[in-house]
Amino acid sequence: MDKKEKIRHFLQEILTRKGDSESFADDDSLLLGGRIDSLNILEIVGFLEKEFGYDLSEQEFDPNNFDSVETIAQLIRS
């Protein structure tokens, strides 16, 4: 499973726990669309730290970086 697939799978797990089974594209806005919230962003940060060794302290925190599969993938590539 590549990085993008892992991110997508994790986001789907979050949404499923929230009772949201609607599909989404890699560039769909989940934060602005109200499908994830700030607590979910903290979950995502923890996942990125554990799964990819991502260190948030190295970058300025911007919630928009966690808005979609694509923005999260770009964040960990940078």
PDB file of N, CA and C in Angstrom:
ATOM      1  N   MET A   1       0.845  -1.174   0.000  1.00  0.00           N
ATOM      2  CA  MET A   1       0.000   0.000   0.000  1.00  0.00           C
ATOM      3  C   MET A   1       0.894   1.242   0.000  1.00  0.00           C
ATOM      4  N   ASP A   2       0.664   2.164  -0.941  1.00  0.00           N
ATOM      5  CA  ASP A   2       1.493   3.373  -0.980  1.00  0.00           C
ATOM      6  C   ASP A   2       0.976   4.412   0.021  1.00  0.00           C
ATOM      7  N   LYS A   3       1.705   5.500   0.158  1.00  0.00           N
ATOM      8  CA  LYS A   3       1.389   6.514   1.170  1.00  0.00           C
ATOM      9  C   LYS A   3      -0.018   7.079   1.001  1.00  0.00           C
ATOM     10  N   LYS A   4      -0.371   7.410  -0.230  1.00  0.00           N
ATOM     11  CA  LYS A   4      -1.683   7.983  -0.483  1.00  0.00           C
ATOM     12  C   LYS A   4      -2.798   7.008  -0.096  1.00  0.00           C
ATOM     13  N   GLU A   5      -2.612   5.745  -0.402  1.00  0.00           N
ATOM     14  CA  GLU A   5      -3.608   4.730  -0.041  1.00  0.00           C
ATOM     15  C   GLU A   5      -3.736   4.603   1.474  1.00  0.00           C
ATOM     16  N   LYS A   6      -2.607   4.662   2.178  1.00  0.00           N
ATOM     17  CA  LYS A   6      -2.643   4.584   3.636  1.00  0.00           C
ATOM     18  C   LYS A   6      -3.384   5.781   4.224  1.00  0.00           C
ATOM     19  N   ILE A   7      -3.127   6.965   3.675  1.00  0.00           N
ATOM     20  CA  ILE A   7      -3.817   8.168   4.132  1.00  0.00           C
ATOM     21  C   ILE A   7      -5.313   8.040   3.885  1.00  0.00           C
ATOM     22  N   ARG A   8      -5.670   7.633   2.679  1.00  0.00           N
ATOM     23  CA  ARG A   8      -7.090   7.471   2.317  1.00  0.00           C
ATOM     24  C   ARG A   8      -7.762   6.464   3.252  1.00  0.00           C
ATOM     25  N   HIS A   9      -7.111   5.351   3.503  1.00  0.00           N
ATOM     26  CA  HIS A   9      -7.669   4.317   4.372  1.00  0.00           C
ATOM     27  C   HIS A   9      -7.886   4.867   5.787  1.00  0.00           C
ATOM     28  N   PHE A  10      -6.917   5.609   6.312  1.00  0.00           N
ATOM     29  CA  PHE A  10      -7.048   6.161   7.651  1.00  0.00           C
ATOM     30  C   PHE A  10      -8.191   7.171   7.712  1.00  0.00           C
ATOM     31  N   LEU A  11      -8.290   8.046   6.709  1.00  0.00           N
ATOM     32  CA  LEU A  11      -9.387   9.008   6.682  1.00  0.00           C
ATOM     33  C   LEU A  11     -10.733   8.309   6.604  1.00  0.00           C
ATOM     34  N   GLN A  12     -10.798   7.243   5.828  1.00  0.00           N
ATOM     35  CA  GLN A  12     -12.048   6.482   5.732  1.00  0.00           C
ATOM     36  C   GLN A  12     -12.411   5.872   7.085  1.00  0.00           C
ATOM     37  N   GLU A  13     -11.423   5.409   7.835  1.00  0.00           N
ATOM     38  CA  GLU A  13     -11.676   4.879   9.181  1.00  0.00           C
ATOM     39  C   GLU A  13     -12.264   5.955  10.087  1.00  0.00           C
ATOM     40  N   ILE A  14     -11.695   7.152  10.035  1.00  0.00           N
ATOM     41  CA  ILE A  14     -12.219   8.258  10.840  1.00  0.00           C
ATOM     42  C   ILE A  14     -13.670   8.539  10.474  1.00  0.00           C
ATOM     43  N   LEU A  15     -13.934   8.643   9.182  1.00  0.00           N
ATOM     44  CA  LEU A  15     -15.289   8.952   8.733  1.00  0.00           C
ATOM     45  C   LEU A  15     -16.271   7.845   9.114  1.00  0.00           C
ATOM     46  N   THR A  16     -15.851   6.609   8.988  1.00  0.00           N
ATOM     47  CA  THR A  16     -16.719   5.478   9.332  1.00  0.00           C
ATOM     48  C   THR A  16     -17.094   5.526  10.810  1.00  0.00           C
ATOM     49  N   ARG A  17     -16.132   5.839  11.677  1.00  0.00           N
ATOM     50  CA  ARG A  17     -16.434   5.967  13.108  1.00  0.00           C
ATOM     51  C   ARG A  17     -17.451   7.065  13.379  1.00  0.00           C
ATOM     52  N   LYS A  18     -17.474   8.063  12.516  1.00  0.00           N
ATOM     53  CA  LYS A  18     -18.413   9.175  12.667  1.00  0.00           C
ATOM     54  C   LYS A  18     -19.762   8.872  12.007  1.00  0.00           C
ATOM     55  N   GLY A  19     -19.892   7.683  11.426  1.00  0.00           N
ATOM     56  CA  GLY A  19     -21.132   7.307  10.751  1.00  0.00           C
ATOM     57  C   GLY A  19     -21.241   7.841   9.336  1.00  0.00           C
ATOM     58  N   ASP A  20     -20.132   8.258   8.774  1.00  0.00           N
ATOM     59  CA  ASP A  20     -20.085   8.820   7.425  1.00  0.00           C
ATOM     60  C   ASP A  20     -19.494   7.774   6.483  1.00  0.00           C
ATOM     61  N   SER A  21     -20.340   7.186   5.667  1.00  0.00           N
ATOM     62  CA  SER A  21     -19.864   6.151   4.743  1.00  0.00           C
ATOM     63  C   SER A  21     -19.824   6.641   3.300  1.00  0.00           C
ATOM     64  N   GLU A  22     -20.019   7.925   3.102  1.00  0.00           N
ATOM     65  CA  GLU A  22     -19.997   8.500   1.759  1.00  0.00           C
ATOM     66  C   GLU A  22     -18.576   8.470   1.197  1.00  0.00           C
ATOM     67  N   SER A  23     -18.450   8.156  -0.070  1.00  0.00           N
ATOM     68  CA  SER A  23     -17.125   8.092  -0.693  1.00  0.00           C
ATOM     69  C   SER A  23     -16.575   9.507  -0.889  1.00  0.00           C
ATOM     70  N   PHE A  24     -15.272   9.590  -1.166  1.00  0.00           N
ATOM     71  CA  PHE A  24     -14.634  10.879  -1.401  1.00  0.00           C
ATOM     72  C   PHE A  24     -13.456  10.698  -2.339  1.00  0.00           C
ATOM     73  N   ALA A  25     -13.178  11.751  -3.099  1.00  0.00           N
ATOM     74  CA  ALA A  25     -12.034  11.758  -4.012  1.00  0.00           C
ATOM     75  C   ALA A  25     -10.814  12.289  -3.268  1.00  0.00           C
ATOM     76  N   ASP A  26      -9.646  12.064  -3.827  1.00  0.00           N
ATOM     77  CA  ASP A  26      -8.404  12.499  -3.184  1.00  0.00           C
ATOM     78  C   ASP A  26      -8.338  14.006  -2.978  1.00  0.00           C
ATOM     79  N   ASP A  27      -9.033  14.773  -3.818  1.00  0.00           N
ATOM     80  CA  ASP A  27      -8.983  16.229  -3.677  1.00  0.00           C
ATOM     81  C   ASP A  27     -10.246  16.818  -3.048  1.00  0.00           C
ATOM     82  N   ASP A  28     -11.152  15.970  -2.542  1.00  0.00           N
ATOM     83  CA  ASP A  28     -12.345  16.468  -1.847  1.00  0.00           C
ATOM     84  C   ASP A  28     -11.956  17.114  -0.523  1.00  0.00           C
ATOM     85  N   SER A  29     -12.544  18.267  -0.254  1.00  0.00           N
ATOM     86  CA  SER A  29     -12.290  18.997   0.981  1.00  0.00           C
ATOM     87  C   SER A  29     -13.096  18.382   2.122  1.00  0.00           C
ATOM     88  N   LEU A  30     -12.412  17.685   3.015  1.00  0.00           N
ATOM     89  CA  LEU A  30     -13.092  17.033   4.136  1.00  0.00           C
ATOM     90  C   LEU A  30     -13.269  17.983   5.317  1.00  0.00           C
ATOM     91  N   LEU A  31     -12.333  18.865   5.536  1.00  0.00           N
ATOM     92  CA  LEU A  31     -12.416  19.830   6.628  1.00  0.00           C
ATOM     93  C   LEU A  31     -13.436  20.922   6.289  1.00  0.00           C
ATOM     94  N   LEU A  32     -13.256  21.546   5.158  1.00  0.00           N
ATOM     95  CA  LEU A  32     -14.173  22.609   4.753  1.00  0.00           C
ATOM     96  C   LEU A  32     -15.571  22.063   4.471  1.00  0.00           C
ATOM     97  N   GLY A  33     -15.642  20.804   4.099  1.00  0.00           N
ATOM     98  CA  GLY A  33     -16.930  20.156   3.857  1.00  0.00           C
ATOM     99  C   GLY A  33     -17.614  19.698   5.136  1.00  0.00           C
ATOM    100  N   GLY A  34     -16.954  19.880   6.279  1.00  0.00           N
ATOM    101  CA  GLY A  34     -17.547  19.521   7.563  1.00  0.00           C
ATOM    102  C   GLY A  34     -17.505  18.041   7.895  1.00  0.00           C
ATOM    103  N   ARG A  35     -16.736  17.279   7.153  1.00  0.00           N
ATOM    104  CA  ARG A  35     -16.688  15.834   7.383  1.00  0.00           C
ATOM    105  C   ARG A  35     -15.652  15.450   8.435  1.00  0.00           C
ATOM    106  N   ILE A  36     -14.619  16.283   8.614  1.00  0.00           N
ATOM    107  CA  ILE A  36     -13.662  16.097   9.709  1.00  0.00           C
ATOM    108  C   ILE A  36     -13.580  17.407  10.484  1.00  0.00           C
ATOM    109  N   ASP A  37     -13.139  17.308  11.745  1.00  0.00           N
ATOM    110  CA  ASP A  37     -13.029  18.500  12.589  1.00  0.00           C
ATOM    111  C   ASP A  37     -11.633  18.572  13.207  1.00  0.00           C
ATOM    112  N   SER A  38     -11.447  19.539  14.096  1.00  0.00           N
ATOM    113  CA  SER A  38     -10.123  19.759  14.668  1.00  0.00           C
ATOM    114  C   SER A  38      -9.622  18.556  15.468  1.00  0.00           C
ATOM    115  N   LEU A  39     -10.516  17.837  16.129  1.00  0.00           N
ATOM    116  CA  LEU A  39     -10.093  16.629  16.853  1.00  0.00           C
ATOM    117  C   LEU A  39      -9.610  15.555  15.890  1.00  0.00           C
ATOM    118  N   ASN A  40     -10.265  15.464  14.747  1.00  0.00           N
ATOM    119  CA  ASN A  40      -9.825  14.507  13.733  1.00  0.00           C
ATOM    120  C   ASN A  40      -8.460  14.889  13.182  1.00  0.00           C
ATOM    121  N   ILE A  41      -8.198  16.197  13.078  1.00  0.00           N
ATOM    122  CA  ILE A  41      -6.884  16.642  12.607  1.00  0.00           C
ATOM    123  C   ILE A  41      -5.798  16.170  13.568  1.00  0.00           C
ATOM    124  N   LEU A  42      -6.080  16.231  14.860  1.00  0.00           N
ATOM    125  CA  LEU A  42      -5.104  15.727  15.835  1.00  0.00           C
ATOM    126  C   LEU A  42      -4.865  14.231  15.640  1.00  0.00           C
ATOM    127  N   GLU A  43      -5.923  13.478  15.342  1.00  0.00           N
ATOM    128  CA  GLU A  43      -5.774  12.047  15.049  1.00  0.00           C
ATOM    129  C   GLU A  43      -4.898  11.846  13.821  1.00  0.00           C
ATOM    130  N   ILE A  44      -5.125  12.672  12.810  1.00  0.00           N
ATOM    131  CA  ILE A  44      -4.363  12.567  11.564  1.00  0.00           C
ATOM    132  C   ILE A  44      -2.888  12.865  11.823  1.00  0.00           C
ATOM    133  N   VAL A  45      -2.611  13.899  12.616  1.00  0.00           N
ATOM    134  CA  VAL A  45      -1.227  14.240  12.950  1.00  0.00           C
ATOM    135  C   VAL A  45      -0.549  13.061  13.648  1.00  0.00           C
ATOM    136  N   GLY A  46      -1.245  12.449  14.612  1.00  0.00           N
ATOM    137  CA  GLY A  46      -0.692  11.287  15.306  1.00  0.00           C
ATOM    138  C   GLY A  46      -0.414  10.145  14.353  1.00  0.00           C
ATOM    139  N   PHE A  47      -1.325   9.914  13.423  1.00  0.00           N
ATOM    140  CA  PHE A  47      -1.145   8.874  12.416  1.00  0.00           C
ATOM    141  C   PHE A  47       0.080   9.160  11.549  1.00  0.00           C
ATOM    142  N   LEU A  48       0.220  10.406  11.114  1.00  0.00           N
ATOM    143  CA  LEU A  48       1.355  10.768  10.256  1.00  0.00           C
ATOM    144  C   LEU A  48       2.678  10.624  10.991  1.00  0.00           C
ATOM    145  N   GLU A  49       2.693  10.980  12.276  1.00  0.00           N
ATOM    146  CA  GLU A  49       3.905  10.822  13.076  1.00  0.00           C
ATOM    147  C   GLU A  49       4.288   9.352  13.195  1.00  0.00           C
ATOM    148  N   LYS A  50       3.297   8.516  13.487  1.00  0.00           N
ATOM    149  CA  LYS A  50       3.555   7.090  13.694  1.00  0.00           C
ATOM    150  C   LYS A  50       3.878   6.362  12.386  1.00  0.00           C
ATOM    151  N   GLU A  51       3.079   6.616  11.373  1.00  0.00           N
ATOM    152  CA  GLU A  51       3.186   5.863  10.121  1.00  0.00           C
ATOM    153  C   GLU A  51       4.335   6.319   9.220  1.00  0.00           C
ATOM    154  N   PHE A  52       4.573   7.654   9.182  1.00  0.00           N
ATOM    155  CA  PHE A  52       5.541   8.196   8.231  1.00  0.00           C
ATOM    156  C   PHE A  52       6.687   8.955   8.886  1.00  0.00           C
ATOM    157  N   GLY A  53       6.699   9.039  10.218  1.00  0.00           N
ATOM    158  CA  GLY A  53       7.741   9.777  10.901  1.00  0.00           C
ATOM    159  C   GLY A  53       7.628  11.280  10.711  1.00  0.00           C
ATOM    160  N   TYR A  54       6.438  11.747  10.359  1.00  0.00           N
ATOM    161  CA  TYR A  54       6.192  13.164  10.135  1.00  0.00           C
ATOM    162  C   TYR A  54       6.312  13.923  11.449  1.00  0.00           C
ATOM    163  N   ASP A  55       7.050  15.029  11.447  1.00  0.00           N
ATOM    164  CA  ASP A  55       7.248  15.840  12.649  1.00  0.00           C
ATOM    165  C   ASP A  55       6.633  17.215  12.423  1.00  0.00           C
ATOM    166  N   LEU A  56       5.499  17.458  13.052  1.00  0.00           N
ATOM    167  CA  LEU A  56       4.786  18.714  12.881  1.00  0.00           C
ATOM    168  C   LEU A  56       5.578  19.903  13.380  1.00  0.00           C
ATOM    169  N   SER A  57       6.474  19.695  14.320  1.00  0.00           N
ATOM    170  CA  SER A  57       7.244  20.809  14.868  1.00  0.00           C
ATOM    171  C   SER A  57       8.165  21.438  13.823  1.00  0.00           C
ATOM    172  N   GLU A  58       8.391  20.731  12.719  1.00  0.00           N
ATOM    173  CA  GLU A  58       9.272  21.252  11.675  1.00  0.00           C
ATOM    174  C   GLU A  58       8.560  22.206  10.731  1.00  0.00           C
ATOM    175  N   GLN A  59       7.220  22.318  10.847  1.00  0.00           N
ATOM    176  CA  GLN A  59       6.455  23.162   9.945  1.00  0.00           C
ATOM    177  C   GLN A  59       5.437  23.976  10.723  1.00  0.00           C
ATOM    178  N   GLU A  60       5.013  25.077  10.132  1.00  0.00           N
ATOM    179  CA  GLU A  60       3.963  25.883  10.723  1.00  0.00           C
ATOM    180  C   GLU A  60       2.635  25.127  10.586  1.00  0.00           C
ATOM    181  N   PHE A  61       1.863  25.088  11.658  1.00  0.00           N
ATOM    182  CA  PHE A  61       0.605  24.349  11.631  1.00  0.00           C
ATOM    183  C   PHE A  61      -0.445  25.130  10.860  1.00  0.00           C
ATOM    184  N   ASP A  62      -1.034  24.478   9.881  1.00  0.00           N
ATOM    185  CA  ASP A  62      -2.130  25.051   9.094  1.00  0.00           C
ATOM    186  C   ASP A  62      -3.168  23.956   8.904  1.00  0.00           C
ATOM    187  N   PRO A  63      -4.348  24.097   9.496  1.00  0.00           N
ATOM    188  CA  PRO A  63      -5.380  23.061   9.379  1.00  0.00           C
ATOM    189  C   PRO A  63      -5.726  22.709   7.939  1.00  0.00           C
ATOM    190  N   ASN A  64      -5.566  23.658   7.026  1.00  0.00           N
ATOM    191  CA  ASN A  64      -5.876  23.397   5.622  1.00  0.00           C
ATOM    192  C   ASN A  64      -4.968  22.338   5.011  1.00  0.00           C
ATOM    193  N   ASN A  65      -3.805  22.101   5.627  1.00  0.00           N
ATOM    194  CA  ASN A  65      -2.902  21.053   5.140  1.00  0.00           C
ATOM    195  C   ASN A  65      -3.466  19.652   5.375  1.00  0.00           C
ATOM    196  N   PHE A  66      -4.525  19.559   6.163  1.00  0.00           N
ATOM    197  CA  PHE A  66      -5.125  18.270   6.511  1.00  0.00           C
ATOM    198  C   PHE A  66      -6.532  18.132   5.927  1.00  0.00           C
ATOM    199  N   ASP A  67      -6.820  18.895   4.889  1.00  0.00           N
ATOM    200  CA  ASP A  67      -8.160  19.006   4.324  1.00  0.00           C
ATOM    201  C   ASP A  67      -8.548  17.870   3.392  1.00  0.00           C
ATOM    202  N   SER A  68      -7.583  17.249   2.758  1.00  0.00           N
ATOM    203  CA  SER A  68      -7.884  16.192   1.783  1.00  0.00           C
ATOM    204  C   SER A  68      -6.736  15.192   1.719  1.00  0.00           C
ATOM    205  N   VAL A  69      -6.973  14.093   1.065  1.00  0.00           N
ATOM    206  CA  VAL A  69      -5.915  13.099   0.862  1.00  0.00           C
ATOM    207  C   VAL A  69      -4.741  13.765   0.145  1.00  0.00           C
ATOM    208  N   GLU A  70      -5.044  14.546  -0.864  1.00  0.00           N
ATOM    209  CA  GLU A  70      -4.000  15.185  -1.662  1.00  0.00           C
ATOM    210  C   GLU A  70      -3.173  16.183  -0.850  1.00  0.00           C
ATOM    211  N   THR A  71      -3.820  17.037  -0.050  1.00  0.00           N
ATOM    212  CA  THR A  71      -3.060  18.020   0.727  1.00  0.00           C
ATOM    213  C   THR A  71      -2.207  17.341   1.803  1.00  0.00           C
ATOM    214  N   ILE A  72      -2.699  16.262   2.380  1.00  0.00           N
ATOM    215  CA  ILE A  72      -1.922  15.538   3.380  1.00  0.00           C
ATOM    216  C   ILE A  72      -0.718  14.864   2.715  1.00  0.00           C
ATOM    217  N   ALA A  73      -0.934  14.276   1.543  1.00  0.00           N
ATOM    218  CA  ALA A  73       0.166  13.631   0.813  1.00  0.00           C
ATOM    219  C   ALA A  73       1.228  14.660   0.449  1.00  0.00           C
ATOM    220  N   GLN A  74       0.807  15.854   0.019  1.00  0.00           N
ATOM    221  CA  GLN A  74       1.766  16.919  -0.320  1.00  0.00           C
ATOM    222  C   GLN A  74       2.545  17.341   0.926  1.00  0.00           C
ATOM    223  N   LEU A  75       1.868  17.407   2.061  1.00  0.00           N
ATOM    224  CA  LEU A  75       2.508  17.797   3.304  1.00  0.00           C
ATOM    225  C   LEU A  75       3.639  16.848   3.690  1.00  0.00           C
ATOM    226  N   ILE A  76       3.395  15.552   3.591  1.00  0.00           N
ATOM    227  CA  ILE A  76       4.439  14.600   4.007  1.00  0.00           C
ATOM    228  C   ILE A  76       5.537  14.459   2.939  1.00  0.00           C
ATOM    229  N   ARG A  77       5.245  14.880   1.708  1.00  0.00           N
ATOM    230  CA  ARG A  77       6.281  14.870   0.670  1.00  0.00           C
ATOM    231  C   ARG A  77       7.234  16.047   0.825  1.00  0.00           C
ATOM    232  N   SER A  78       6.752  17.128   1.448  1.00  0.00           N
ATOM    233  CA  SER A  78       7.581  18.349   1.544  1.00  0.00           C
ATOM    234  C   SER A  78       8.633  18.246   2.624  1.00  0.00           C
TER     235      SER A  78
END
